[in-house]
């Protein structure tokens, strides 16, 4: 199930970034999901699903914004990977 909500921005903001309104809306969605991930509020899987992309593609999005993808990996996961790697 999807929920839609509206956020109002001055038209100059999109045009100042040289974006069309729809492109600007998608960018704001992406930025919000990246920040929520960075703050540890959502997982990469949830963010990827919201953007209709794979987790691997979401990791590429994170890299493009300079966000560490390892926020999603907890200490227990790292410990398990060390023992199996």
C-alpha atoms as a PDB file:
ATOM      1  CA  UNK A   1       0.000   0.000   0.000  1.00  0.00           C
ATOM      2  CA  UNK A   2       1.292   3.437  -0.893  1.00  0.00           C
ATOM      3  CA  UNK A   3       0.496   6.743   0.716  1.00  0.00           C
ATOM      4  CA  UNK A   4       0.827   9.969  -1.157  1.00  0.00           C
ATOM      5  CA  UNK A   5       1.418  13.360   0.384  1.00  0.00           C
ATOM      6  CA  UNK A   6       2.161  16.781  -0.963  1.00  0.00           C
ATOM      7  CA  UNK A   7       4.945  19.143   0.018  1.00  0.00           C
ATOM      8  CA  UNK A   8       4.845  22.701  -1.250  1.00  0.00           C
ATOM      9  CA  UNK A   9       8.040  24.369  -2.455  1.00  0.00           C
ATOM     10  CA  UNK A  10       8.523  27.710  -4.165  1.00  0.00           C
ATOM     11  CA  UNK A  11       8.634  27.249  -7.969  1.00  0.00           C
ATOM     12  CA  UNK A  12      11.969  29.054  -7.981  1.00  0.00           C
ATOM     13  CA  UNK A  13      13.555  26.193  -6.070  1.00  0.00           C
ATOM     14  CA  UNK A  14      13.056  23.669  -8.870  1.00  0.00           C
ATOM     15  CA  UNK A  15      13.889  26.158 -11.598  1.00  0.00           C
ATOM     16  CA  UNK A  16      16.952  27.324  -9.666  1.00  0.00           C
ATOM     17  CA  UNK A  17      18.171  23.730  -9.713  1.00  0.00           C
ATOM     18  CA  UNK A  18      17.340  23.555 -13.441  1.00  0.00           C
ATOM     19  CA  UNK A  19      14.792  20.787 -12.885  1.00  0.00           C
ATOM     20  CA  UNK A  20      11.279  20.213 -14.092  1.00  0.00           C
ATOM     21  CA  UNK A  21       8.675  19.870 -11.320  1.00  0.00           C
ATOM     22  CA  UNK A  22       8.405  16.069 -11.611  1.00  0.00           C
ATOM     23  CA  UNK A  23      12.196  15.682 -11.671  1.00  0.00           C
ATOM     24  CA  UNK A  24      12.436  17.903  -8.582  1.00  0.00           C
ATOM     25  CA  UNK A  25       9.753  15.849  -6.781  1.00  0.00           C
ATOM     26  CA  UNK A  26      11.639  12.615  -7.500  1.00  0.00           C
ATOM     27  CA  UNK A  27      14.891  14.175  -6.302  1.00  0.00           C
ATOM     28  CA  UNK A  28      13.265  15.287  -3.037  1.00  0.00           C
ATOM     29  CA  UNK A  29      11.880  11.769  -2.497  1.00  0.00           C
ATOM     30  CA  UNK A  30      15.300  10.260  -3.142  1.00  0.00           C
ATOM     31  CA  UNK A  31      17.016  12.733  -0.823  1.00  0.00           C
ATOM     32  CA  UNK A  32      14.514  12.076   1.965  1.00  0.00           C
ATOM     33  CA  UNK A  33      15.000   8.319   1.716  1.00  0.00           C
ATOM     34  CA  UNK A  34      18.794   8.670   1.634  1.00  0.00           C
ATOM     35  CA  UNK A  35      18.710  10.859   4.746  1.00  0.00           C
ATOM     36  CA  UNK A  36      16.327   8.519   6.590  1.00  0.00           C
ATOM     37  CA  UNK A  37      18.686   5.646   5.779  1.00  0.00           C
ATOM     38  CA  UNK A  38      21.722   7.670   6.874  1.00  0.00           C
ATOM     39  CA  UNK A  39      20.012   8.423  10.212  1.00  0.00           C
ATOM     40  CA  UNK A  40      19.279   4.733  10.708  1.00  0.00           C
ATOM     41  CA  UNK A  41      15.510   5.251  10.533  1.00  0.00           C
ATOM     42  CA  UNK A  42      14.936   2.880   7.580  1.00  0.00           C
ATOM     43  CA  UNK A  43      16.788  -0.016   5.973  1.00  0.00           C
ATOM     44  CA  UNK A  44      18.255  -0.031   2.500  1.00  0.00           C
ATOM     45  CA  UNK A  45      15.593  -2.550   1.501  1.00  0.00           C
ATOM     46  CA  UNK A  46      12.750  -0.248   2.510  1.00  0.00           C
ATOM     47  CA  UNK A  47      14.365   2.722   0.761  1.00  0.00           C
ATOM     48  CA  UNK A  48      14.993   0.705  -2.407  1.00  0.00           C
ATOM     49  CA  UNK A  49      11.408  -0.552  -2.446  1.00  0.00           C
ATOM     50  CA  UNK A  50      10.090   3.009  -2.053  1.00  0.00           C
ATOM     51  CA  UNK A  51      12.198   4.067  -5.043  1.00  0.00           C
ATOM     52  CA  UNK A  52      11.264   0.947  -7.068  1.00  0.00           C
ATOM     53  CA  UNK A  53      14.918  -0.035  -7.458  1.00  0.00           C
ATOM     54  CA  UNK A  54      17.109  -2.886  -6.197  1.00  0.00           C
ATOM     55  CA  UNK A  55      19.155  -2.620  -3.000  1.00  0.00           C
ATOM     56  CA  UNK A  56      22.308  -2.660  -5.147  1.00  0.00           C
ATOM     57  CA  UNK A  57      20.983   0.307  -7.126  1.00  0.00           C
ATOM     58  CA  UNK A  58      20.144   2.055  -3.846  1.00  0.00           C
ATOM     59  CA  UNK A  59      23.770   1.564  -2.757  1.00  0.00           C
ATOM     60  CA  UNK A  60      24.764   3.367  -5.976  1.00  0.00           C
ATOM     61  CA  UNK A  61      22.393   6.205  -5.023  1.00  0.00           C
ATOM     62  CA  UNK A  62      24.018   6.375  -1.575  1.00  0.00           C
ATOM     63  CA  UNK A  63      27.473   6.537  -3.154  1.00  0.00           C
ATOM     64  CA  UNK A  64      26.375   9.355  -5.451  1.00  0.00           C
ATOM     65  CA  UNK A  65      25.425  11.371  -2.337  1.00  0.00           C
ATOM     66  CA  UNK A  66      28.545  10.376  -0.392  1.00  0.00           C
ATOM     67  CA  UNK A  67      26.579   8.333   2.162  1.00  0.00           C
ATOM     68  CA  UNK A  68      28.172   5.231   3.686  1.00  0.00           C
ATOM     69  CA  UNK A  69      26.206   2.124   2.712  1.00  0.00           C
ATOM     70  CA  UNK A  70      27.469   0.288   5.782  1.00  0.00           C
ATOM     71  CA  UNK A  71      24.914   2.056   7.979  1.00  0.00           C
ATOM     72  CA  UNK A  72      22.725  -0.927   7.102  1.00  0.00           C
ATOM     73  CA  UNK A  73      25.081  -3.569   8.422  1.00  0.00           C
ATOM     74  CA  UNK A  74      25.023  -4.171  12.157  1.00  0.00           C
ATOM     75  CA  UNK A  75      27.837  -5.578  14.307  1.00  0.00           C
ATOM     76  CA  UNK A  76      26.329  -9.089  14.388  1.00  0.00           C
ATOM     77  CA  UNK A  77      26.209  -9.247  10.593  1.00  0.00           C
ATOM     78  CA  UNK A  78      29.839  -8.144  10.361  1.00  0.00           C
ATOM     79  CA  UNK A  79      30.851 -10.765  12.924  1.00  0.00           C
ATOM     80  CA  UNK A  80      29.085 -13.506  10.939  1.00  0.00           C
ATOM     81  CA  UNK A  81      30.702 -12.363   7.697  1.00  0.00           C
ATOM     82  CA  UNK A  82      34.167 -12.418   9.270  1.00  0.00           C
ATOM     83  CA  UNK A  83      33.674 -16.035  10.337  1.00  0.00           C
ATOM     84  CA  UNK A  84      32.369 -17.107   6.935  1.00  0.00           C
ATOM     85  CA  UNK A  85      34.637 -14.986   4.776  1.00  0.00           C
END
